[in-house]
Amino acid sequence: MPLTDTEWGVVTAWVRDYLLDTPDPHDRLRQAGYPPAFIGSLSLTAKAGDNAAALVRAVRHSITAQLFLLDVLLTLDELTSQFQPQLLALRLRLADDERVHVSDQDHFRAGVLRNGAEVFIDREQLRERLREFLADPEKTVLVVDGEPDSGRSYSYSLIRYLGQHCGFRPVRVTLTHTTTAAQLIRQIAARLNPEADPPQLNPTPLNDPLSAHEWAVQQIVTRATAAPEAFWIILDECDRLASTSDAWDAIGQLARSLFEHGPEPEGTAPRLVLLGYPATMPQLPYEIRKTVCRDTARILGRDDVDDFFRTYFTQAPLPPAEALRLAAASAAAVWEAAQAPASGDSLMRRLCTAAETAVGTWRSLAPGADYAGLLHRELGAPAALEPAAPSEERRAYRRAACLLVRFEPDTLRLPGEREPSGRAQQELVDDCATIATNPPVWTLRDDIREAALADLPGPAAARRCLEANLAQVQAGPAPERIALAYLSGRPPDARRLDEDALAAAHQAVLWLSRIPGTAGIPDPGQLQRLLERVRLLQPLRRLLEE
């Protein structure tokens, strides 16, 4: 399974601090074994951070090049003395990717991902849709629909896996109820090329925000098409987006722009994947209908689990009768364990966790051990399907970041710290998405943020977390500043806020409402209605200003 963007952010920091922290990066790379032609292709400067980002960006095109970079890092004694276990774990995953990449297996049929630590069960139709989508350059949009908890976002795991082996790079933006068109455009642009300047949202300036957004979307597609790699833009949790959000218009503009650009001869044209895009939401432009692939996710059943383990064990070097016996025992144990929810996880998540436990148990089985008995003990253990509890330090960093739209992990501070320790990058690497790479800028995943907000002891603790990290807050209307105003007893007058400030206030109130003991904040629904009213009146206001 490929490394995540946040994991590459950690690797980039290691390259910056331990490999390229030198006045002569060209010589350092030659000493590391890189060929002159490769070094000459890099835009190296006197800044270690820029050079690290350029090197990592270049090696991500090839699994062999990724492995070589980690091997180079493993020769650095100062680095390995602190981070050798983390380095070896990343290298093990890439080595497994390389083994799979050169094998003759059908990547679209993969059921075990991430060196056995992740499984992908069934979804026969999605596998064929992805094969069709990748093979036909005229197809520009893939739509995955289905009822909640049926595995729509789960599709992203298979897409990431295929990206490593089929020559494309998925970039994901997870939508929320409060996402606006401007936010969506900026997030897509940042994930496609974190080093580039953000697209202009009103370059003329245009009085029509719809036209301004269309201009920015065209900039994004033009940049992505010109890039040396093929991007798949993944918009996840589409059904969480408010039905009145202007982001729906931006999604339609993005789909149309991709269609109008058409396929590239080199196969690098970007694609759009919409996860959780129901038929009840605003529909895509009519003219692109023939370039859209569609898949409908469904909740897994017992037959799907049976098929998964039958395939898994019949591919193992076992006698056919023994393979079928192990498959039946595994499927029965996994299905039974998933029927007794011990947490708030969905059935899909419980099934996958139980199946991953079964695969891990089999792979680590000692010769002569009783697999069926050991599996029942593993799945029957208290909290067997519960995710591992985070350490107290990790929980503290989650709380410190949960009221920040974005943050630099290198400088994230815990309340009471005089200077940042730099530990946030290691603690939060699995909890975040990347916004920028040089310097690294992250944002908490929505599920992690929700848990961290609920984990705050109360409003006073939330205020201390914000005050410790005010340097992370961007200029202008920001949810962090408005949240701090509410927590400090100085709430803004919502009736006097413009569109951007109202959107920020709405987000701030949604966050604050998750913190135990918070009082004195308005109803989020009231702010949503105010925001919709401002957006409806905006064209008239612009007309009067002319």
Protein backbone atom coordinates (compact mmCIF):
# COMPACT_ATOMS: atom_id res chain seq x y z
CA MET A 1 0.00 0.00 0.00
CA PRO A 2 1.51 3.39 -0.92
CA LEU A 3 2.58 5.78 1.78
CA THR A 4 0.06 8.47 2.67
CA ASP A 5 0.71 12.15 2.00
CA THR A 6 1.36 12.76 5.70
CA GLU A 7 3.87 9.90 5.76
CA TRP A 8 5.61 11.47 2.78
CA GLY A 9 5.56 14.71 4.77
CA VAL A 10 7.51 12.97 7.53
CA VAL A 11 9.95 11.55 4.97
CA THR A 12 10.37 15.03 3.49
CA ALA A 13 11.23 16.41 6.93
CA TRP A 14 13.83 13.65 7.39
CA VAL A 15 15.35 14.45 3.99
CA ARG A 16 15.42 18.15 4.85
CA ASP A 17 16.98 17.75 8.29
CA TYR A 18 19.35 14.80 7.81
CA LEU A 19 20.19 14.39 4.11
CA LEU A 20 20.02 17.78 2.40
CA ASP A 21 20.91 20.11 5.28
CA THR A 22 24.09 21.02 3.42
CA PRO A 23 25.38 23.95 1.33
CA ASP A 24 26.07 21.56 -1.59
CA PRO A 25 23.00 19.37 -2.18
CA HIS A 26 24.29 18.22 -5.60
CA ASP A 27 27.39 16.66 -4.05
CA ARG A 28 25.38 15.11 -1.22
CA LEU A 29 23.05 13.40 -3.69
CA ARG A 30 25.99 12.16 -5.76
CA GLN A 31 27.50 10.64 -2.62
CA ALA A 32 24.16 8.98 -1.90
CA GLY A 33 24.31 7.22 -5.27
CA TYR A 34 21.92 9.26 -7.41
CA PRO A 35 22.93 9.47 -11.11
CA PRO A 36 23.98 12.87 -12.53
CA ALA A 37 21.04 12.98 -14.96
CA PHE A 38 18.55 12.58 -12.11
CA ILE A 39 20.28 15.23 -9.99
CA GLY A 40 20.31 17.59 -12.97
CA SER A 41 16.55 17.20 -13.38
CA LEU A 42 15.93 18.58 -9.87
CA SER A 43 15.50 22.31 -9.24
CA LEU A 44 17.91 22.51 -6.30
CA THR A 45 18.43 25.77 -4.42
CA ALA A 46 20.16 26.92 -1.26
CA LYS A 47 17.07 26.02 0.81
CA ALA A 48 17.02 22.54 2.33
CA GLY A 49 13.21 22.50 2.59
CA ASP A 50 12.75 23.28 -1.12
CA ASN A 51 15.34 20.67 -2.10
CA ALA A 52 13.74 18.00 0.09
CA ALA A 53 10.31 18.68 -1.42
CA ALA A 54 11.77 18.52 -4.96
CA LEU A 55 13.53 15.20 -4.28
CA VAL A 56 10.48 13.56 -2.71
CA ARG A 57 8.21 14.81 -5.47
CA ALA A 58 10.57 13.28 -8.07
CA VAL A 59 10.86 9.85 -6.45
CA ARG A 60 7.11 9.39 -5.94
CA HIS A 61 6.72 8.49 -9.63
CA SER A 62 8.39 5.09 -9.12
CA ILE A 63 8.26 2.43 -6.38
CA THR A 64 11.93 1.60 -7.05
CA ALA A 65 12.91 5.25 -6.57
CA GLN A 66 10.87 5.43 -3.35
CA LEU A 67 12.66 2.38 -1.98
CA PHE A 68 16.05 3.78 -2.95
CA LEU A 69 15.36 7.00 -1.05
CA LEU A 70 14.43 5.09 2.11
CA ASP A 71 17.57 2.96 1.73
CA VAL A 72 19.61 6.17 1.55
CA LEU A 73 17.94 7.47 4.70
CA LEU A 74 18.67 4.19 6.49
CA THR A 75 22.41 4.85 6.02
CA LEU A 76 22.22 8.09 8.04
CA ASP A 77 23.27 7.23 11.59
CA GLU A 78 21.90 10.42 13.14
CA LEU A 79 18.47 9.71 11.67
CA THR A 80 18.34 5.96 12.37
CA SER A 81 19.39 6.48 15.97
CA GLN A 82 16.02 8.18 16.52
CA PHE A 83 13.64 6.85 13.86
CA GLN A 84 14.90 3.47 12.65
CA PRO A 85 11.69 1.55 13.55
CA GLN A 86 9.53 4.04 11.64
CA LEU A 87 11.88 3.96 8.64
CA LEU A 88 11.92 0.17 8.54
CA ALA A 89 8.11 -0.02 8.77
CA LEU A 90 7.74 2.33 5.78
CA ARG A 91 10.37 0.43 3.81
CA LEU A 92 8.61 -2.88 4.50
CA ARG A 93 5.40 -1.52 3.00
CA LEU A 94 7.17 -0.24 -0.11
CA ALA A 95 9.05 -3.52 -0.51
CA ASP A 96 5.70 -5.33 -0.45
CA ASP A 97 4.39 -2.87 -3.05
CA GLU A 98 7.38 -3.63 -5.29
CA ARG A 99 6.89 -7.39 -4.90
CA VAL A 100 3.21 -7.07 -5.88
CA HIS A 101 4.01 -4.63 -8.68
CA VAL A 102 6.31 -7.06 -10.52
CA SER A 103 4.08 -10.09 -9.90
CA ASP A 104 1.57 -11.37 -12.44
CA GLN A 105 -1.44 -10.87 -10.16
CA ASP A 106 -4.45 -8.88 -11.34
CA HIS A 107 -4.28 -5.73 -9.23
CA PHE A 108 -8.00 -5.12 -9.72
CA ARG A 109 -8.72 -8.42 -7.94
CA ALA A 110 -6.61 -7.64 -4.87
CA GLY A 111 -8.21 -8.54 -1.55
CA VAL A 112 -5.32 -8.07 0.87
CA LEU A 113 -3.66 -4.65 0.94
CA ARG A 114 -0.94 -2.98 2.98
CA ASN A 115 1.15 -6.11 3.58
CA GLY A 116 -1.83 -7.90 5.11
CA ALA A 117 -2.84 -5.08 7.45
CA GLU A 118 -5.84 -4.04 5.35
CA VAL A 119 -8.43 -6.01 3.40
CA PHE A 120 -10.82 -5.14 0.60
CA ILE A 121 -13.80 -7.47 0.49
CA ASP A 122 -15.98 -8.07 -2.58
CA ARG A 123 -17.14 -4.95 -4.52
CA GLU A 124 -17.04 -6.92 -7.78
CA GLN A 125 -18.87 -4.18 -9.66
CA LEU A 126 -16.52 -1.45 -8.40
CA ARG A 127 -13.48 -3.45 -9.47
CA GLU A 128 -14.83 -3.76 -13.00
CA ARG A 129 -15.92 -0.12 -13.08
CA LEU A 130 -12.41 0.95 -12.08
CA ARG A 131 -10.91 -1.30 -14.76
CA GLU A 132 -13.25 0.24 -17.36
CA PHE A 133 -12.61 3.77 -16.08
CA LEU A 134 -8.84 3.40 -16.24
CA ALA A 135 -8.82 1.73 -19.66
CA ASP A 136 -11.08 4.28 -21.41
CA PRO A 137 -9.45 7.75 -21.71
CA GLU A 138 -12.83 9.20 -22.73
CA LYS A 139 -14.22 8.50 -19.24
CA THR A 140 -13.58 11.50 -16.99
CA VAL A 141 -15.85 11.02 -13.94
CA LEU A 142 -16.52 8.04 -11.66
CA VAL A 143 -19.55 8.33 -9.35
CA VAL A 144 -19.94 5.95 -6.39
CA ASP A 145 -23.34 6.02 -4.69
CA GLY A 146 -25.02 3.81 -2.11
CA GLU A 147 -26.64 3.92 1.31
CA PRO A 148 -24.62 5.21 4.29
CA ASP A 149 -22.09 2.74 5.77
CA SER A 150 -22.14 0.68 2.56
CA GLY A 151 -18.49 1.30 1.78
CA ARG A 152 -18.50 4.29 -0.55
CA SER A 153 -15.50 5.93 1.12
CA TYR A 154 -14.05 2.45 1.65
CA SER A 155 -13.61 2.51 -2.14
CA TYR A 156 -10.73 4.94 -1.63
CA SER A 157 -8.57 2.15 -0.17
CA LEU A 158 -8.71 0.20 -3.44
CA ILE A 159 -8.19 3.36 -5.49
CA ARG A 160 -5.03 4.22 -3.50
CA TYR A 161 -3.75 0.69 -3.99
CA LEU A 162 -4.39 0.79 -7.74
CA GLY A 163 -2.75 4.20 -8.04
CA GLN A 164 0.59 2.75 -6.95
CA HIS A 165 0.42 -0.01 -9.58
CA CYS A 166 -1.50 1.61 -12.45
CA GLY A 167 0.34 4.90 -12.79
CA PHE A 168 -1.95 7.53 -11.30
CA ARG A 169 -1.93 9.52 -8.07
CA PRO A 170 -5.18 9.99 -6.12
CA VAL A 171 -5.62 13.24 -4.19
CA ARG A 172 -8.56 13.27 -1.79
CA VAL A 173 -10.62 16.14 -0.41
CA THR A 174 -13.23 15.19 2.20
CA LEU A 175 -16.29 17.44 2.10
CA THR A 176 -18.22 18.64 5.11
CA HIS A 177 -21.55 20.32 5.69
CA THR A 178 -19.85 23.74 5.67
CA THR A 179 -17.54 23.35 2.65
CA THR A 180 -17.82 26.29 0.25
CA ALA A 181 -16.81 26.54 -3.40
CA ALA A 182 -13.80 28.72 -2.53
CA GLN A 183 -12.63 26.27 0.13
CA LEU A 184 -13.07 23.31 -2.21
CA ILE A 185 -11.12 25.00 -5.02
CA ARG A 186 -8.26 25.97 -2.70
CA GLN A 187 -8.08 22.49 -1.16
CA ILE A 188 -7.98 20.75 -4.55
CA ALA A 189 -5.29 23.15 -5.81
CA ALA A 190 -3.18 22.66 -2.68
CA ARG A 191 -3.33 18.87 -2.90
CA LEU A 192 -2.48 18.84 -6.61
CA ASN A 193 0.56 21.06 -6.17
CA PRO A 194 1.25 22.36 -2.66
CA GLU A 195 4.20 24.42 -3.94
CA ALA A 196 2.21 26.44 -6.51
CA ASP A 197 0.44 29.71 -5.83
CA PRO A 198 -3.28 29.23 -5.09
CA PRO A 199 -5.63 29.88 -8.04
CA GLN A 200 -7.13 33.34 -8.33
CA LEU A 201 -10.76 33.31 -7.30
CA ASN A 202 -11.57 36.78 -8.62
CA PRO A 203 -8.84 37.90 -11.03
CA THR A 204 -10.70 40.54 -13.03
CA PRO A 205 -12.34 41.28 -10.51
CA LEU A 206 -15.57 39.71 -11.71
CA ASN A 207 -18.88 40.63 -10.13
CA ASP A 208 -20.23 37.15 -10.76
CA PRO A 209 -18.76 34.70 -8.22
CA LEU A 210 -19.87 31.76 -10.36
CA SER A 211 -17.70 32.99 -13.24
CA ALA A 212 -14.81 33.63 -10.84
CA HIS A 213 -15.01 30.07 -9.54
CA GLU A 214 -15.17 28.72 -13.08
CA TRP A 215 -12.00 30.65 -13.92
CA ALA A 216 -10.23 29.12 -10.90
CA VAL A 217 -11.45 25.60 -11.77
CA GLN A 218 -10.05 25.95 -15.29
CA GLN A 219 -6.70 26.99 -13.79
CA ILE A 220 -6.70 23.84 -11.66
CA VAL A 221 -7.48 21.52 -14.57
CA THR A 222 -4.89 23.21 -16.79
CA ARG A 223 -2.19 22.78 -14.14
CA ALA A 224 -3.16 19.18 -13.44
CA THR A 225 -3.17 18.33 -17.15
CA ALA A 226 0.30 19.83 -17.60
CA ALA A 227 1.73 17.87 -14.65
CA PRO A 228 4.01 14.89 -15.43
CA GLU A 229 1.76 12.52 -13.46
CA ALA A 230 -1.89 11.56 -13.85
CA PHE A 231 -4.05 12.85 -11.01
CA TRP A 232 -7.37 11.43 -9.83
CA ILE A 233 -9.25 14.08 -7.84
CA ILE A 234 -11.28 12.25 -5.18
CA LEU A 235 -14.14 14.15 -3.53
CA ASP A 236 -15.28 12.09 -0.54
CA GLU A 237 -18.43 12.31 1.61
CA CYS A 238 -20.27 14.31 -1.05
CA ASP A 239 -23.63 13.70 0.63
CA ARG A 240 -22.47 15.60 3.74
CA LEU A 241 -22.38 18.81 1.71
CA ALA A 242 -25.27 21.21 2.38
CA SER A 243 -27.79 21.17 -0.46
CA THR A 244 -27.56 24.97 -0.70
CA SER A 245 -23.74 25.07 -0.84
CA ASP A 246 -22.13 26.78 -3.82
CA ALA A 247 -19.62 23.91 -3.82
CA TRP A 248 -22.11 21.92 -5.92
CA ASP A 249 -21.62 24.46 -8.70
CA ALA A 250 -17.85 24.10 -8.38
CA ILE A 251 -18.12 20.30 -8.65
CA GLY A 252 -20.19 20.65 -11.82
CA GLN A 253 -17.70 23.16 -13.25
CA LEU A 254 -14.83 20.80 -12.45
CA ALA A 255 -16.55 17.88 -14.19
CA ARG A 256 -17.32 20.02 -17.26
CA SER A 257 -13.77 21.42 -17.44
CA LEU A 258 -12.26 17.90 -17.34
CA PHE A 259 -14.65 16.87 -20.12
CA GLU A 260 -13.74 19.89 -22.25
CA HIS A 261 -10.00 19.32 -21.87
CA GLY A 262 -10.43 15.76 -23.14
CA PRO A 263 -7.92 12.91 -22.97
CA GLU A 264 -4.18 13.56 -23.22
CA PRO A 265 -2.02 11.47 -25.57
CA GLU A 266 0.39 10.66 -22.72
CA GLY A 267 -2.46 9.46 -20.50
CA THR A 268 -1.88 12.18 -17.88
CA ALA A 269 -5.31 13.82 -18.07
CA PRO A 270 -6.82 14.23 -14.58
CA ARG A 271 -9.97 12.32 -13.61
CA LEU A 272 -12.70 13.07 -11.06
CA VAL A 273 -14.08 10.53 -8.56
CA LEU A 274 -17.16 11.41 -6.49
CA LEU A 275 -17.72 9.16 -3.46
CA GLY A 276 -21.15 9.27 -1.82
CA TYR A 277 -22.81 11.28 -4.59
CA PRO A 278 -26.53 10.38 -4.39
CA ALA A 279 -29.06 10.90 -7.15
CA THR A 280 -31.00 13.32 -4.92
CA MET A 281 -28.18 15.88 -4.98
CA PRO A 282 -27.58 18.45 -7.77
CA GLN A 283 -26.72 16.52 -10.89
CA LEU A 284 -23.64 16.79 -13.06
CA PRO A 285 -23.82 18.74 -16.36
CA TYR A 286 -25.93 16.97 -18.96
CA GLU A 287 -23.29 17.14 -21.69
CA ILE A 288 -20.82 14.92 -19.77
CA ARG A 289 -23.29 12.04 -19.24
CA LYS A 290 -21.49 9.71 -21.69
CA THR A 291 -18.14 10.17 -19.94
CA VAL A 292 -19.41 9.11 -16.49
CA CYS A 293 -18.94 5.66 -14.92
CA ARG A 294 -21.27 4.76 -12.04
CA ASP A 295 -21.11 2.26 -9.19
CA THR A 296 -23.56 1.60 -6.36
CA ALA A 297 -22.07 0.35 -3.10
CA ARG A 298 -23.96 -2.10 -0.92
CA ILE A 299 -23.47 -3.43 2.60
CA LEU A 300 -21.49 -6.66 2.74
CA GLY A 301 -23.28 -9.95 3.42
CA ARG A 302 -22.20 -13.36 4.67
CA ASP A 303 -21.69 -14.63 1.10
CA ASP A 304 -19.17 -11.83 0.46
CA VAL A 305 -17.16 -12.83 3.54
CA ASP A 306 -17.28 -16.50 2.49
CA ASP A 307 -16.03 -15.61 -1.01
CA PHE A 308 -13.21 -13.46 0.36
CA PHE A 309 -11.75 -16.18 2.57
CA ARG A 310 -12.31 -18.90 -0.02
CA THR A 311 -10.27 -16.88 -2.51
CA TYR A 312 -7.63 -15.98 0.07
CA PHE A 313 -6.96 -19.53 1.27
CA THR A 314 -7.23 -21.24 -2.14
CA GLN A 315 -4.43 -18.93 -3.32
CA ALA A 316 -2.24 -20.11 -0.43
CA PRO A 317 0.07 -23.15 -0.86
CA LEU A 318 -2.39 -25.51 0.86
CA PRO A 319 -4.19 -28.74 -0.09
CA PRO A 320 -7.63 -27.85 -1.52
CA ALA A 321 -9.58 -29.54 1.29
CA GLU A 322 -7.51 -27.78 3.97
CA ALA A 323 -7.94 -24.41 2.23
CA LEU A 324 -11.73 -24.80 2.16
CA ARG A 325 -11.79 -25.85 5.84
CA LEU A 326 -9.74 -22.81 6.89
CA ALA A 327 -11.88 -20.51 4.73
CA ALA A 328 -15.10 -21.75 6.29
CA ALA A 329 -13.74 -21.44 9.83
CA SER A 330 -12.42 -17.92 9.18
CA ALA A 331 -15.63 -16.67 7.58
CA ALA A 332 -17.79 -18.04 10.37
CA ALA A 333 -15.61 -16.53 13.11
CA VAL A 334 -15.34 -13.12 11.39
CA TRP A 335 -19.07 -12.90 10.66
CA GLU A 336 -19.97 -13.82 14.24
CA ALA A 337 -17.53 -11.29 15.71
CA ALA A 338 -18.84 -8.48 13.50
CA GLN A 339 -22.47 -9.06 14.54
CA ALA A 340 -21.80 -8.01 18.14
CA PRO A 341 -20.92 -4.31 17.93
CA ALA A 342 -18.57 -3.27 20.72
CA SER A 343 -18.18 0.27 19.45
CA GLY A 344 -19.87 2.89 17.32
CA ASP A 345 -18.24 1.51 14.16
CA SER A 346 -20.43 0.45 11.25
CA LEU A 347 -20.90 -3.19 10.24
CA MET A 348 -18.58 -2.61 7.27
CA ARG A 349 -15.78 -1.38 9.52
CA ARG A 350 -16.31 -4.21 12.03
CA LEU A 351 -16.23 -6.82 9.25
CA CYS A 352 -13.04 -5.40 7.80
CA THR A 353 -11.35 -5.16 11.20
CA ALA A 354 -12.29 -8.76 12.01
CA ALA A 355 -11.08 -9.94 8.57
CA GLU A 356 -7.79 -8.07 9.04
CA THR A 357 -7.42 -9.82 12.41
CA ALA A 358 -7.97 -13.19 10.72
CA VAL A 359 -5.40 -12.47 7.99
CA GLY A 360 -2.88 -11.22 10.54
CA THR A 361 -3.43 -14.27 12.76
CA TRP A 362 -2.87 -16.65 9.83
CA ARG A 363 0.28 -14.84 8.64
CA SER A 364 1.85 -14.89 12.11
CA LEU A 365 0.79 -18.47 12.94
CA ALA A 366 3.52 -20.64 14.41
CA PRO A 367 4.04 -24.12 12.84
CA GLY A 368 1.61 -26.63 14.31
CA ALA A 369 -0.51 -24.00 16.10
CA ASP A 370 -4.32 -24.25 16.18
CA TYR A 371 -5.42 -21.46 13.83
CA ALA A 372 -9.17 -21.76 14.46
CA GLY A 373 -8.78 -21.74 18.23
CA LEU A 374 -6.33 -18.84 18.19
CA LEU A 375 -8.59 -16.82 15.88
CA HIS A 376 -11.61 -17.32 18.16
CA ARG A 377 -9.54 -16.13 21.12
CA GLU A 378 -8.28 -13.08 19.18
CA LEU A 379 -11.76 -12.09 18.01
CA GLY A 380 -13.35 -12.88 21.35
CA ALA A 381 -10.93 -10.78 23.37
CA PRO A 382 -12.36 -7.64 24.98
CA ALA A 383 -12.40 -4.78 22.50
CA ALA A 384 -11.01 -7.05 19.75
CA LEU A 385 -12.70 -4.93 17.08
CA GLU A 386 -12.02 -1.65 18.83
CA PRO A 387 -9.30 0.54 17.36
CA ALA A 388 -6.18 0.71 19.51
CA ALA A 389 -6.51 3.41 22.15
CA PRO A 390 -4.24 6.38 21.37
CA SER A 391 -1.50 7.31 23.82
CA GLU A 392 -2.08 10.26 26.12
CA GLU A 393 0.51 12.29 24.19
CA ARG A 394 -1.29 11.60 20.92
CA ARG A 395 -4.63 12.57 22.48
CA ALA A 396 -3.05 15.81 23.73
CA TYR A 397 -1.83 16.75 20.26
CA ARG A 398 -5.22 15.89 18.78
CA ARG A 399 -6.87 18.24 21.28
CA ALA A 400 -4.32 20.96 20.49
CA ALA A 401 -5.16 20.76 16.77
CA CYS A 402 -8.91 20.11 16.85
CA LEU A 403 -9.92 23.80 16.69
CA LEU A 404 -7.42 24.63 13.92
CA VAL A 405 -8.44 24.60 10.26
CA ARG A 406 -4.81 23.89 9.38
CA PHE A 407 -1.52 23.71 11.24
CA GLU A 408 2.19 23.12 10.81
CA PRO A 409 3.01 19.98 12.79
CA ASP A 410 6.58 21.17 13.37
CA THR A 411 5.32 24.14 15.37
CA LEU A 412 2.12 22.81 16.97
CA ARG A 413 2.28 23.47 20.72
CA LEU A 414 0.54 21.89 23.65
CA PRO A 415 -0.95 24.30 26.23
CA GLY A 416 1.80 25.39 28.61
CA GLU A 417 4.70 24.64 26.26
CA ARG A 418 7.12 27.55 25.84
CA GLU A 419 8.50 26.07 22.61
CA PRO A 420 7.07 23.38 20.32
CA SER A 421 8.66 19.97 20.85
CA GLY A 422 8.21 18.85 17.23
CA ARG A 423 6.57 15.62 18.40
CA ALA A 424 3.25 16.42 16.71
CA GLN A 425 4.49 15.20 13.33
CA GLN A 426 5.18 11.69 14.64
CA GLU A 427 2.07 11.54 16.83
CA LEU A 428 -0.45 12.79 14.25
CA VAL A 429 0.93 11.26 11.03
CA ASP A 430 -1.99 8.80 10.81
CA ASP A 431 -4.64 11.32 11.90
CA CYS A 432 -4.30 14.03 9.26
CA ALA A 433 -4.49 15.00 5.62
CA THR A 434 -1.84 17.11 3.91
CA ILE A 435 -2.58 20.65 2.71
CA ALA A 436 0.97 21.75 1.86
CA THR A 437 4.42 20.16 1.95
CA ASN A 438 7.01 22.90 2.29
CA PRO A 439 6.69 23.59 5.14
CA PRO A 440 4.30 20.72 5.97
CA VAL A 441 0.76 21.92 6.68
CA TRP A 442 -1.81 19.40 7.87
CA THR A 443 -5.44 19.26 8.90
CA LEU A 444 -7.09 16.71 11.20
CA ARG A 445 -9.35 14.13 9.59
CA ASP A 446 -13.00 14.78 10.40
CA ASP A 447 -13.47 11.62 12.49
CA ILE A 448 -10.34 12.40 14.52
CA ARG A 449 -11.45 16.01 15.00
CA GLU A 450 -14.87 14.95 16.27
CA ALA A 451 -13.31 12.58 18.80
CA ALA A 452 -10.78 15.21 19.93
CA LEU A 453 -13.45 17.87 20.43
CA ALA A 454 -15.45 15.48 22.61
CA ASP A 455 -12.23 14.63 24.48
CA LEU A 456 -11.67 18.24 25.59
CA PRO A 457 -12.49 18.64 29.31
CA GLY A 458 -14.43 21.82 28.62
CA PRO A 459 -14.41 25.36 27.18
CA ALA A 460 -11.45 26.50 29.30
CA ALA A 461 -9.25 23.73 27.94
CA ALA A 462 -10.38 24.55 24.39
CA ARG A 463 -9.43 28.20 24.91
CA ARG A 464 -5.96 27.25 26.17
CA CYS A 465 -5.39 25.07 23.11
CA LEU A 466 -6.35 27.92 20.79
CA GLU A 467 -4.29 30.53 22.63
CA ALA A 468 -1.22 28.28 22.45
CA ASN A 469 -1.48 28.12 18.66
CA LEU A 470 -2.74 31.51 17.50
CA ALA A 471 0.36 31.82 15.32
CA GLN A 472 -1.08 28.98 13.20
CA VAL A 473 -4.23 30.94 12.31
CA GLN A 474 -4.44 32.53 8.88
CA ALA A 475 -5.32 36.20 8.39
CA GLY A 476 -8.88 37.27 7.69
CA PRO A 477 -12.15 35.68 8.85
CA ALA A 478 -11.16 32.38 10.42
CA PRO A 479 -13.15 29.86 12.48
CA GLU A 480 -10.35 29.85 15.07
CA ARG A 481 -10.65 33.58 15.81
CA ILE A 482 -14.43 33.42 16.04
CA ALA A 483 -14.26 30.32 18.26
CA LEU A 484 -11.84 32.14 20.57
CA ALA A 485 -14.20 35.14 20.67
CA TYR A 486 -17.06 32.89 21.83
CA LEU A 487 -14.84 31.13 24.36
CA SER A 488 -13.64 34.51 25.68
CA GLY A 489 -17.17 35.87 26.17
CA ARG A 490 -16.95 38.32 23.24
CA PRO A 491 -19.31 36.77 20.66
CA PRO A 492 -19.64 38.56 17.30
CA ASP A 493 -22.93 39.99 16.10
CA ALA A 494 -23.85 37.45 13.43
CA ARG A 495 -26.22 39.90 11.72
CA ARG A 496 -23.26 42.18 10.86
CA LEU A 497 -21.01 39.48 9.39
CA ASP A 498 -20.37 39.14 5.66
CA GLU A 499 -20.48 35.84 3.80
CA ASP A 500 -16.91 34.74 4.59
CA ALA A 501 -17.20 35.64 8.27
CA LEU A 502 -20.60 33.92 8.54
CA ALA A 503 -19.18 30.74 7.00
CA ALA A 504 -16.31 30.88 9.51
CA ALA A 505 -18.73 31.49 12.40
CA HIS A 506 -20.90 28.57 11.30
CA GLN A 507 -17.88 26.26 11.30
CA ALA A 508 -16.69 27.57 14.67
CA VAL A 509 -20.09 27.02 16.29
CA LEU A 510 -20.32 23.48 14.89
CA TRP A 511 -16.97 22.69 16.51
CA LEU A 512 -17.78 24.37 19.81
CA SER A 513 -21.10 22.53 20.04
CA ARG A 514 -19.13 19.24 20.27
CA ILE A 515 -17.15 20.37 23.34
CA PRO A 516 -18.67 19.25 26.66
CA GLY A 517 -20.00 22.10 28.77
CA THR A 518 -19.95 24.79 26.08
CA ALA A 519 -22.67 27.43 26.49
CA GLY A 520 -23.52 30.82 25.05
CA ILE A 521 -23.21 29.92 21.38
CA PRO A 522 -25.97 30.37 18.78
CA ASP A 523 -27.83 27.56 17.11
CA PRO A 524 -25.82 26.36 14.06
CA GLY A 525 -29.07 26.15 12.09
CA GLN A 526 -29.69 29.86 12.70
CA LEU A 527 -26.25 30.74 11.31
CA GLN A 528 -26.84 28.45 8.34
CA ARG A 529 -30.07 30.29 7.51
CA LEU A 530 -28.32 33.67 7.82
CA LEU A 531 -25.56 32.45 5.52
CA GLU A 532 -28.07 31.23 2.91
CA ARG A 533 -29.85 34.60 3.07
CA VAL A 534 -26.59 36.50 2.54
CA ARG A 535 -25.75 34.30 -0.45
CA LEU A 536 -29.18 34.85 -1.99
CA LEU A 537 -28.89 38.63 -1.60
CA GLN A 538 -25.27 38.80 -2.77
CA PRO A 539 -26.04 39.28 -6.52
CA LEU A 540 -28.37 42.20 -5.72
CA ARG A 541 -25.76 43.75 -3.44
CA ARG A 542 -23.09 43.43 -6.14
CA LEU A 543 -25.47 45.03 -8.66
CA LEU A 544 -26.07 48.00 -6.37
CA GLU A 545 -22.33 48.44 -5.84
CA GLU A 546 -21.66 48.83 -9.57
